[in-house]
């Protein structure tokens, strides 16, 4: 009986390519999906965030229009550079600022219900991320209404978060 195995091996060459992608991206970031499909139960990714990128605060606790509740906790490991994870309450007030530093091998786990964002402090902040799958575009993130979406002005907000 033949068994089909899937695997992904990434190294510094991958990180260099992702940095180049982030340099060209209007969103100032690039993502490498290491899992084989969006249907996988565990999603493993490398995220390259350039300083100045904006990630709208969000959580992964979604109630769908058919009454289904989706909970997706996620974990992060800093692998290059420095950044922050900022946790917010339901009113958009800052609960905690967590400094992440690759030299210190900082790891963070965020529960599905917790609103959060990620801020790059160095030119590139690279994180390894695991999150519960599967991924469906309208069932992955619940964005906090208090904060601008990615298409709106957010530069002053990023500067404020960098200074925290």
N, C-alpha and C. Protein backbone atom coordinates (compact mmCIF):
# COMPACT_ATOMS: atom_id res chain seq x y z
N UNK A 1 0.84 -1.18 0.00
CA UNK A 1 0.00 0.00 0.00
C UNK A 1 0.89 1.25 0.00
N UNK A 2 0.64 2.12 -0.94
CA UNK A 2 1.44 3.35 -1.07
C UNK A 2 0.83 4.45 -0.21
N UNK A 3 1.69 5.13 0.53
CA UNK A 3 1.25 6.25 1.37
C UNK A 3 1.79 7.54 0.77
N UNK A 4 0.97 8.55 0.71
CA UNK A 4 1.38 9.84 0.18
C UNK A 4 1.69 10.77 1.33
N UNK A 5 2.93 11.23 1.43
CA UNK A 5 3.32 12.16 2.47
C UNK A 5 3.57 13.52 1.84
N UNK A 6 3.31 14.56 2.61
CA UNK A 6 3.57 15.91 2.15
C UNK A 6 4.46 16.60 3.16
N UNK A 7 5.41 17.38 2.68
CA UNK A 7 6.27 18.11 3.61
C UNK A 7 6.78 19.36 2.93
N UNK A 8 7.31 20.27 3.74
CA UNK A 8 7.87 21.52 3.24
C UNK A 8 9.14 21.82 4.04
N UNK A 9 10.19 22.15 3.34
CA UNK A 9 11.44 22.53 3.98
C UNK A 9 11.77 23.94 3.52
N UNK A 10 11.96 24.84 4.46
CA UNK A 10 12.27 26.23 4.14
C UNK A 10 13.57 26.61 4.84
N UNK A 11 14.29 27.60 4.26
CA UNK A 11 15.57 28.01 4.82
C UNK A 11 15.79 29.49 4.54
N UNK A 12 17.04 29.94 4.68
CA UNK A 12 17.35 31.35 4.48
C UNK A 12 17.03 31.83 3.08
N UNK A 13 17.17 30.97 2.08
CA UNK A 13 16.81 31.37 0.71
C UNK A 13 15.33 31.74 0.63
N UNK A 14 14.49 30.97 1.30
CA UNK A 14 13.06 31.28 1.34
C UNK A 14 12.83 32.65 1.97
N UNK A 15 13.53 32.92 3.08
CA UNK A 15 13.35 34.20 3.76
C UNK A 15 13.78 35.36 2.86
N UNK A 16 14.87 35.19 2.12
CA UNK A 16 15.33 36.24 1.21
C UNK A 16 14.31 36.49 0.10
N UNK A 17 13.74 35.44 -0.46
CA UNK A 17 12.71 35.60 -1.48
C UNK A 17 11.47 36.30 -0.92
N UNK A 18 11.08 35.92 0.30
CA UNK A 18 9.92 36.55 0.92
C UNK A 18 10.16 38.04 1.21
N UNK A 19 11.38 38.39 1.59
CA UNK A 19 11.71 39.80 1.80
C UNK A 19 11.55 40.59 0.50
N UNK A 20 12.01 40.01 -0.60
CA UNK A 20 11.87 40.68 -1.90
C UNK A 20 10.39 40.84 -2.27
N UNK A 21 9.59 39.82 -1.97
CA UNK A 21 8.14 39.92 -2.22
C UNK A 21 7.52 41.02 -1.37
N UNK A 22 7.91 41.09 -0.09
CA UNK A 22 7.39 42.12 0.80
C UNK A 22 7.79 43.51 0.33
N UNK A 23 9.00 43.64 -0.19
CA UNK A 23 9.47 44.93 -0.73
C UNK A 23 8.57 45.42 -1.86
N UNK A 24 8.07 44.51 -2.66
CA UNK A 24 7.24 44.86 -3.82
C UNK A 24 5.75 44.99 -3.48
N UNK A 25 5.36 44.46 -2.34
CA UNK A 25 3.94 44.39 -1.99
C UNK A 25 3.42 45.73 -1.46
N UNK A 26 2.28 46.20 -1.96
CA UNK A 26 1.67 47.41 -1.41
C UNK A 26 1.31 47.24 0.08
N UNK A 27 1.06 46.00 0.51
CA UNK A 27 0.73 45.72 1.91
C UNK A 27 1.97 45.61 2.79
N UNK A 28 3.16 45.62 2.19
CA UNK A 28 4.43 45.54 2.90
C UNK A 28 4.59 44.23 3.68
N UNK A 29 4.15 43.15 3.07
CA UNK A 29 4.30 41.84 3.70
C UNK A 29 4.21 40.73 2.67
N UNK A 30 4.68 39.56 3.08
CA UNK A 30 4.63 38.38 2.23
C UNK A 30 4.43 37.16 3.13
N UNK A 31 3.76 36.16 2.59
CA UNK A 31 3.44 34.97 3.36
C UNK A 31 3.82 33.73 2.57
N UNK A 32 4.43 32.78 3.25
CA UNK A 32 4.74 31.47 2.66
C UNK A 32 3.91 30.44 3.40
N UNK A 33 2.99 29.83 2.69
CA UNK A 33 2.15 28.77 3.25
C UNK A 33 2.94 27.47 3.18
N UNK A 34 3.16 26.84 4.33
CA UNK A 34 3.91 25.58 4.35
C UNK A 34 2.97 24.37 4.32
N UNK A 35 1.73 24.53 4.69
CA UNK A 35 0.77 23.43 4.64
C UNK A 35 0.33 23.22 3.19
N UNK A 36 -0.22 22.06 2.90
CA UNK A 36 -0.48 21.69 1.51
C UNK A 36 -1.75 22.30 0.90
N UNK A 37 -2.73 22.65 1.73
CA UNK A 37 -3.96 23.23 1.17
C UNK A 37 -4.70 24.02 2.25
N UNK A 38 -5.62 24.87 1.79
CA UNK A 38 -6.45 25.66 2.72
C UNK A 38 -7.35 24.76 3.57
N UNK A 39 -7.57 23.52 3.14
CA UNK A 39 -8.44 22.60 3.87
C UNK A 39 -7.77 21.91 5.06
N UNK A 40 -6.45 22.05 5.19
CA UNK A 40 -5.73 21.40 6.29
C UNK A 40 -6.24 21.87 7.65
N UNK A 41 -6.16 20.98 8.64
CA UNK A 41 -6.60 21.32 10.00
C UNK A 41 -5.60 22.21 10.73
N UNK A 42 -4.33 22.16 10.34
CA UNK A 42 -3.30 23.01 10.92
C UNK A 42 -2.63 23.79 9.80
N UNK A 43 -2.60 25.10 9.96
CA UNK A 43 -1.94 25.97 8.98
C UNK A 43 -0.63 26.46 9.56
N UNK A 44 0.44 26.27 8.81
CA UNK A 44 1.78 26.64 9.22
C UNK A 44 2.32 27.59 8.17
N UNK A 45 2.77 28.78 8.61
CA UNK A 45 3.16 29.82 7.67
C UNK A 45 4.39 30.57 8.16
N UNK A 46 5.08 31.17 7.21
CA UNK A 46 6.12 32.14 7.49
C UNK A 46 5.59 33.48 7.01
N UNK A 47 5.57 34.46 7.90
CA UNK A 47 5.11 35.81 7.56
C UNK A 47 6.28 36.77 7.63
N UNK A 48 6.49 37.51 6.55
CA UNK A 48 7.48 38.58 6.54
C UNK A 48 6.72 39.89 6.54
N UNK A 49 6.94 40.67 7.59
CA UNK A 49 6.29 41.97 7.75
C UNK A 49 7.35 43.05 7.67
N UNK A 50 7.14 44.01 6.80
CA UNK A 50 8.06 45.15 6.72
C UNK A 50 7.58 46.23 7.69
N UNK A 51 8.51 47.01 8.20
CA UNK A 51 8.16 48.12 9.06
C UNK A 51 7.16 49.00 8.31
N UNK A 52 6.09 49.38 9.00
CA UNK A 52 5.07 50.22 8.40
C UNK A 52 3.85 49.47 7.88
N UNK A 53 3.92 48.12 7.88
CA UNK A 53 2.74 47.37 7.44
C UNK A 53 1.62 47.55 8.46
N UNK A 54 0.38 47.44 8.00
CA UNK A 54 -0.78 47.59 8.88
C UNK A 54 -1.62 46.32 8.83
N UNK A 55 -1.85 45.77 10.00
CA UNK A 55 -2.74 44.62 10.14
C UNK A 55 -3.89 45.08 11.03
N UNK A 56 -5.07 45.18 10.46
CA UNK A 56 -6.22 45.64 11.23
C UNK A 56 -6.46 44.69 12.41
N UNK A 57 -6.61 45.24 13.61
CA UNK A 57 -6.89 44.37 14.75
C UNK A 57 -8.09 43.45 14.47
N UNK A 58 -7.92 42.22 14.86
CA UNK A 58 -8.91 41.20 14.55
C UNK A 58 -8.82 40.07 15.57
N UNK A 59 -9.80 39.20 15.54
CA UNK A 59 -9.70 37.94 16.26
C UNK A 59 -10.14 36.83 15.32
N UNK A 60 -10.14 35.62 15.83
CA UNK A 60 -10.51 34.47 15.01
C UNK A 60 -11.66 33.71 15.68
N UNK A 61 -12.61 34.50 16.17
CA UNK A 61 -13.82 33.96 16.81
C UNK A 61 -14.99 34.47 15.98
N UNK A 62 -15.51 33.61 15.14
CA UNK A 62 -16.50 34.03 14.16
C UNK A 62 -17.79 33.24 14.35
N UNK A 63 -18.90 33.97 14.35
CA UNK A 63 -20.21 33.33 14.33
C UNK A 63 -20.76 33.53 12.93
N UNK A 64 -20.96 32.43 12.22
CA UNK A 64 -21.41 32.51 10.83
C UNK A 64 -22.91 32.78 10.77
N UNK A 65 -23.38 33.09 9.56
CA UNK A 65 -24.80 33.37 9.37
C UNK A 65 -25.67 32.12 9.46
N UNK A 66 -25.07 30.94 9.60
CA UNK A 66 -25.84 29.71 9.79
C UNK A 66 -25.74 29.21 11.23
N UNK A 67 -25.26 30.09 12.14
CA UNK A 67 -25.20 29.76 13.55
C UNK A 67 -24.00 28.95 13.98
N UNK A 68 -23.05 28.75 13.11
CA UNK A 68 -21.84 28.00 13.43
C UNK A 68 -20.82 28.94 14.09
N UNK A 69 -20.13 28.46 15.13
CA UNK A 69 -19.08 29.23 15.78
C UNK A 69 -17.74 28.64 15.40
N UNK A 70 -16.83 29.52 14.95
CA UNK A 70 -15.50 29.09 14.53
C UNK A 70 -14.49 29.73 15.47
N UNK A 71 -13.63 28.92 16.07
CA UNK A 71 -12.58 29.40 16.98
C UNK A 71 -11.23 28.94 16.45
N UNK A 72 -10.32 29.92 16.26
CA UNK A 72 -9.01 29.60 15.70
C UNK A 72 -7.92 30.32 16.49
N UNK A 73 -7.37 29.65 17.47
CA UNK A 73 -6.22 30.20 18.17
C UNK A 73 -5.01 30.16 17.25
N UNK A 74 -4.01 30.97 17.57
CA UNK A 74 -2.80 30.94 16.75
C UNK A 74 -1.57 31.20 17.61
N UNK A 75 -0.45 30.68 17.13
CA UNK A 75 0.81 30.87 17.85
C UNK A 75 1.84 31.48 16.91
N UNK A 76 2.75 32.24 17.51
CA UNK A 76 3.78 32.96 16.76
C UNK A 76 5.15 32.70 17.39
N UNK A 77 6.17 32.60 16.55
CA UNK A 77 7.55 32.51 16.98
C UNK A 77 8.35 33.51 16.15
N UNK A 78 9.06 34.42 16.82
CA UNK A 78 9.90 35.39 16.12
C UNK A 78 11.13 34.68 15.59
N UNK A 79 11.37 34.76 14.27
CA UNK A 79 12.56 34.11 13.71
C UNK A 79 13.57 35.11 13.14
N UNK A 80 13.14 36.35 12.91
CA UNK A 80 14.10 37.40 12.52
C UNK A 80 13.52 38.76 12.87
N UNK A 81 14.34 39.60 13.48
CA UNK A 81 13.94 40.97 13.76
C UNK A 81 13.15 41.13 15.06
N UNK A 82 12.53 42.30 15.15
CA UNK A 82 11.74 42.64 16.34
C UNK A 82 10.37 43.14 15.92
N UNK A 83 9.40 42.87 16.79
CA UNK A 83 8.04 43.34 16.55
C UNK A 83 7.25 43.30 17.84
N UNK A 84 5.98 43.60 17.71
CA UNK A 84 5.06 43.59 18.85
C UNK A 84 3.77 42.90 18.45
N UNK A 85 3.19 42.24 19.42
CA UNK A 85 1.80 41.82 19.32
C UNK A 85 1.06 42.68 20.33
N UNK A 86 0.02 43.35 19.87
CA UNK A 86 -0.77 44.20 20.74
C UNK A 86 -2.14 43.55 20.90
N UNK A 87 -2.54 43.38 22.16
CA UNK A 87 -3.83 42.77 22.47
C UNK A 87 -4.82 43.87 22.86
N UNK A 88 -6.06 43.76 22.38
CA UNK A 88 -7.10 44.76 22.62
C UNK A 88 -8.31 44.11 23.28
N UNK A 89 -9.04 44.92 24.06
CA UNK A 89 -10.32 44.44 24.59
C UNK A 89 -11.40 44.67 23.53
N UNK A 90 -12.62 44.32 23.86
CA UNK A 90 -13.71 44.43 22.90
C UNK A 90 -14.05 45.87 22.53
N UNK A 91 -13.61 46.84 23.36
CA UNK A 91 -13.84 48.26 23.08
C UNK A 91 -12.68 48.89 22.30
N UNK A 92 -11.64 48.13 22.02
CA UNK A 92 -10.50 48.63 21.28
C UNK A 92 -9.41 49.23 22.15
N UNK A 93 -9.54 49.09 23.47
CA UNK A 93 -8.51 49.59 24.38
C UNK A 93 -7.39 48.56 24.47
N UNK A 94 -6.16 49.06 24.58
CA UNK A 94 -5.01 48.17 24.64
C UNK A 94 -4.95 47.47 26.00
N UNK A 95 -4.88 46.16 25.95
CA UNK A 95 -4.75 45.34 27.16
C UNK A 95 -3.29 45.04 27.48
N UNK A 96 -2.51 44.74 26.43
CA UNK A 96 -1.13 44.32 26.65
C UNK A 96 -0.34 44.52 25.37
N UNK A 97 0.92 44.90 25.53
CA UNK A 97 1.86 45.00 24.42
C UNK A 97 2.96 43.98 24.68
N UNK A 98 3.16 43.07 23.75
CA UNK A 98 4.14 42.00 23.91
C UNK A 98 5.26 42.23 22.91
N UNK A 99 6.46 42.49 23.42
CA UNK A 99 7.62 42.67 22.56
C UNK A 99 8.11 41.29 22.12
N UNK A 100 8.31 41.14 20.81
CA UNK A 100 8.84 39.89 20.27
C UNK A 100 10.21 40.18 19.66
N UNK A 101 11.16 39.31 19.97
CA UNK A 101 12.53 39.51 19.54
C UNK A 101 13.10 38.15 19.13
N UNK A 102 13.54 38.06 17.88
CA UNK A 102 14.07 36.79 17.39
C UNK A 102 15.29 36.33 18.18
N UNK A 103 16.12 37.26 18.63
CA UNK A 103 17.30 36.89 19.41
C UNK A 103 16.92 36.21 20.72
N UNK A 104 15.75 36.54 21.24
CA UNK A 104 15.28 35.93 22.49
C UNK A 104 14.33 34.76 22.24
N UNK A 105 14.10 34.44 20.97
CA UNK A 105 13.22 33.32 20.57
C UNK A 105 11.82 33.46 21.18
N UNK A 106 11.28 34.69 21.14
CA UNK A 106 9.97 34.96 21.73
C UNK A 106 8.87 34.17 21.02
N UNK A 107 8.02 33.52 21.83
CA UNK A 107 6.87 32.78 21.33
C UNK A 107 5.62 33.30 22.03
N UNK A 108 4.52 33.40 21.28
CA UNK A 108 3.27 33.91 21.83
C UNK A 108 2.13 33.05 21.29
N UNK A 109 1.17 32.76 22.15
CA UNK A 109 -0.07 32.10 21.72
C UNK A 109 -1.21 33.07 22.00
N UNK A 110 -2.11 33.22 21.03
CA UNK A 110 -3.25 34.13 21.15
C UNK A 110 -4.52 33.30 20.97
N UNK A 111 -5.44 33.42 21.92
CA UNK A 111 -6.70 32.66 21.83
C UNK A 111 -7.60 33.23 20.73
N UNK A 112 -8.54 32.43 20.30
CA UNK A 112 -9.44 32.81 19.21
C UNK A 112 -10.21 34.09 19.51
N UNK A 113 -10.60 34.28 20.77
CA UNK A 113 -11.44 35.42 21.14
C UNK A 113 -10.67 36.73 21.29
N UNK A 114 -9.35 36.68 21.32
CA UNK A 114 -8.53 37.85 21.64
C UNK A 114 -8.26 38.72 20.40
N UNK A 115 -8.71 39.98 20.45
CA UNK A 115 -8.37 40.93 19.39
C UNK A 115 -6.88 41.23 19.46
N UNK A 116 -6.22 41.29 18.30
CA UNK A 116 -4.78 41.52 18.27
C UNK A 116 -4.34 42.10 16.93
N UNK A 117 -3.14 42.66 16.94
CA UNK A 117 -2.46 43.07 15.72
C UNK A 117 -0.98 42.77 15.90
N UNK A 118 -0.23 42.86 14.81
CA UNK A 118 1.21 42.65 14.83
C UNK A 118 1.87 43.88 14.23
N UNK A 119 2.91 44.37 14.88
CA UNK A 119 3.61 45.58 14.44
C UNK A 119 5.09 45.23 14.24
N UNK A 120 5.64 45.57 13.09
CA UNK A 120 7.07 45.36 12.83
C UNK A 120 7.85 46.55 13.36
N UNK A 121 8.89 46.27 14.14
CA UNK A 121 9.76 47.34 14.67
C UNK A 121 11.07 47.44 13.90
N UNK A 122 11.53 46.34 13.34
CA UNK A 122 12.75 46.34 12.53
C UNK A 122 12.35 46.41 11.06
N UNK A 123 13.34 46.60 10.18
CA UNK A 123 13.03 46.71 8.75
C UNK A 123 12.19 45.53 8.29
N UNK A 124 12.56 44.33 8.74
CA UNK A 124 11.78 43.11 8.48
C UNK A 124 11.55 42.41 9.81
N UNK A 125 10.32 42.01 10.04
CA UNK A 125 9.99 41.19 11.20
C UNK A 125 9.41 39.91 10.64
N UNK A 126 10.10 38.80 10.89
CA UNK A 126 9.68 37.52 10.32
C UNK A 126 9.21 36.61 11.44
N UNK A 127 8.01 36.08 11.26
CA UNK A 127 7.42 35.20 12.26
C UNK A 127 6.99 33.88 11.63
N UNK A 128 7.10 32.86 12.43
CA UNK A 128 6.58 31.53 12.11
C UNK A 128 5.23 31.46 12.80
N UNK A 129 4.20 31.07 12.08
CA UNK A 129 2.84 31.07 12.63
C UNK A 129 2.15 29.74 12.41
N UNK A 130 1.48 29.26 13.45
CA UNK A 130 0.57 28.11 13.35
C UNK A 130 -0.82 28.59 13.72
N UNK A 131 -1.79 28.12 12.96
CA UNK A 131 -3.18 28.49 13.23
C UNK A 131 -4.08 27.34 12.83
N UNK A 132 -5.17 27.21 13.52
CA UNK A 132 -6.16 26.20 13.19
C UNK A 132 -6.76 26.46 11.82
N UNK A 133 -6.92 25.43 11.02
CA UNK A 133 -7.57 25.53 9.72
C UNK A 133 -8.98 24.96 9.82
N UNK A 134 -9.65 24.77 8.76
CA UNK A 134 -9.32 25.19 7.41
C UNK A 134 -9.52 26.70 7.22
N UNK A 135 -9.03 27.23 6.10
CA UNK A 135 -9.16 28.64 5.80
C UNK A 135 -10.26 28.84 4.77
N UNK A 136 -11.21 29.71 5.13
CA UNK A 136 -12.25 30.16 4.20
C UNK A 136 -12.29 31.67 4.34
N UNK A 137 -12.26 32.36 3.23
CA UNK A 137 -12.07 33.81 3.22
C UNK A 137 -12.99 34.56 4.19
N UNK A 138 -14.25 34.25 4.23
CA UNK A 138 -15.19 34.99 5.08
C UNK A 138 -15.36 34.37 6.46
N UNK A 139 -14.59 33.34 6.77
CA UNK A 139 -14.73 32.67 8.06
C UNK A 139 -13.40 32.55 8.79
N UNK A 140 -12.48 33.46 8.54
CA UNK A 140 -11.17 33.35 9.17
C UNK A 140 -10.91 34.45 10.19
N UNK A 141 -11.31 35.68 9.88
CA UNK A 141 -11.02 36.80 10.76
C UNK A 141 -12.27 37.62 11.00
N UNK A 142 -12.38 38.13 12.23
CA UNK A 142 -13.42 39.09 12.58
C UNK A 142 -12.70 40.39 12.93
N UNK A 143 -12.86 41.41 12.08
CA UNK A 143 -12.12 42.66 12.25
C UNK A 143 -12.81 43.56 13.27
N UNK A 144 -11.98 44.21 14.10
CA UNK A 144 -12.48 45.14 15.11
C UNK A 144 -12.97 46.40 14.40
N UNK A 145 -14.22 46.77 14.66
CA UNK A 145 -14.85 47.90 13.96
C UNK A 145 -14.26 49.26 14.35
N UNK A 146 -13.57 49.35 15.47
CA UNK A 146 -13.03 50.63 15.92
C UNK A 146 -11.84 51.10 15.07
N UNK A 147 -11.20 50.18 14.38
CA UNK A 147 -9.97 50.49 13.66
C UNK A 147 -10.20 50.55 12.16
N UNK A 148 -9.40 51.39 11.47
CA UNK A 148 -9.57 51.49 10.01
C UNK A 148 -9.24 50.18 9.32
N UNK A 149 -9.91 49.95 8.19
CA UNK A 149 -9.52 48.77 7.41
C UNK A 149 -8.26 49.12 6.61
N UNK A 150 -7.73 48.16 5.90
CA UNK A 150 -6.45 48.35 5.22
C UNK A 150 -6.50 49.41 4.13
N UNK A 151 -7.69 49.71 3.61
CA UNK A 151 -7.82 50.69 2.54
C UNK A 151 -7.91 52.12 3.06
N UNK A 152 -8.05 52.28 4.37
CA UNK A 152 -8.18 53.61 4.96
C UNK A 152 -6.83 54.05 5.53
N UNK A 153 -6.73 55.34 5.84
CA UNK A 153 -5.49 55.89 6.39
C UNK A 153 -5.20 55.27 7.76
N UNK A 154 -3.95 54.86 7.95
CA UNK A 154 -3.58 54.21 9.20
C UNK A 154 -2.14 54.53 9.64
N UNK A 155 -1.47 55.42 8.94
CA UNK A 155 -0.06 55.71 9.21
C UNK A 155 0.17 56.22 10.63
N UNK A 156 -0.69 57.15 11.10
CA UNK A 156 -0.53 57.69 12.46
C UNK A 156 -0.74 56.61 13.52
N UNK A 157 -1.67 55.72 13.26
CA UNK A 157 -1.94 54.62 14.18
C UNK A 157 -0.71 53.69 14.29
N UNK A 158 -0.09 53.39 13.16
CA UNK A 158 1.10 52.54 13.17
C UNK A 158 2.21 53.21 13.97
N UNK A 159 2.43 54.50 13.73
CA UNK A 159 3.47 55.23 14.49
C UNK A 159 3.20 55.16 15.99
N UNK A 160 1.94 55.35 16.37
CA UNK A 160 1.57 55.27 17.79
C UNK A 160 1.88 53.88 18.35
N UNK A 161 1.50 52.84 17.62
CA UNK A 161 1.75 51.48 18.09
C UNK A 161 3.25 51.18 18.17
N UNK A 162 4.03 51.70 17.23
CA UNK A 162 5.48 51.47 17.27
C UNK A 162 6.09 52.10 18.53
N UNK A 163 5.53 53.21 18.99
CA UNK A 163 6.08 53.94 20.14
C UNK A 163 5.66 53.36 21.48
N UNK A 164 4.67 52.49 21.50
CA UNK A 164 4.21 51.93 22.77
C UNK A 164 5.31 51.15 23.47
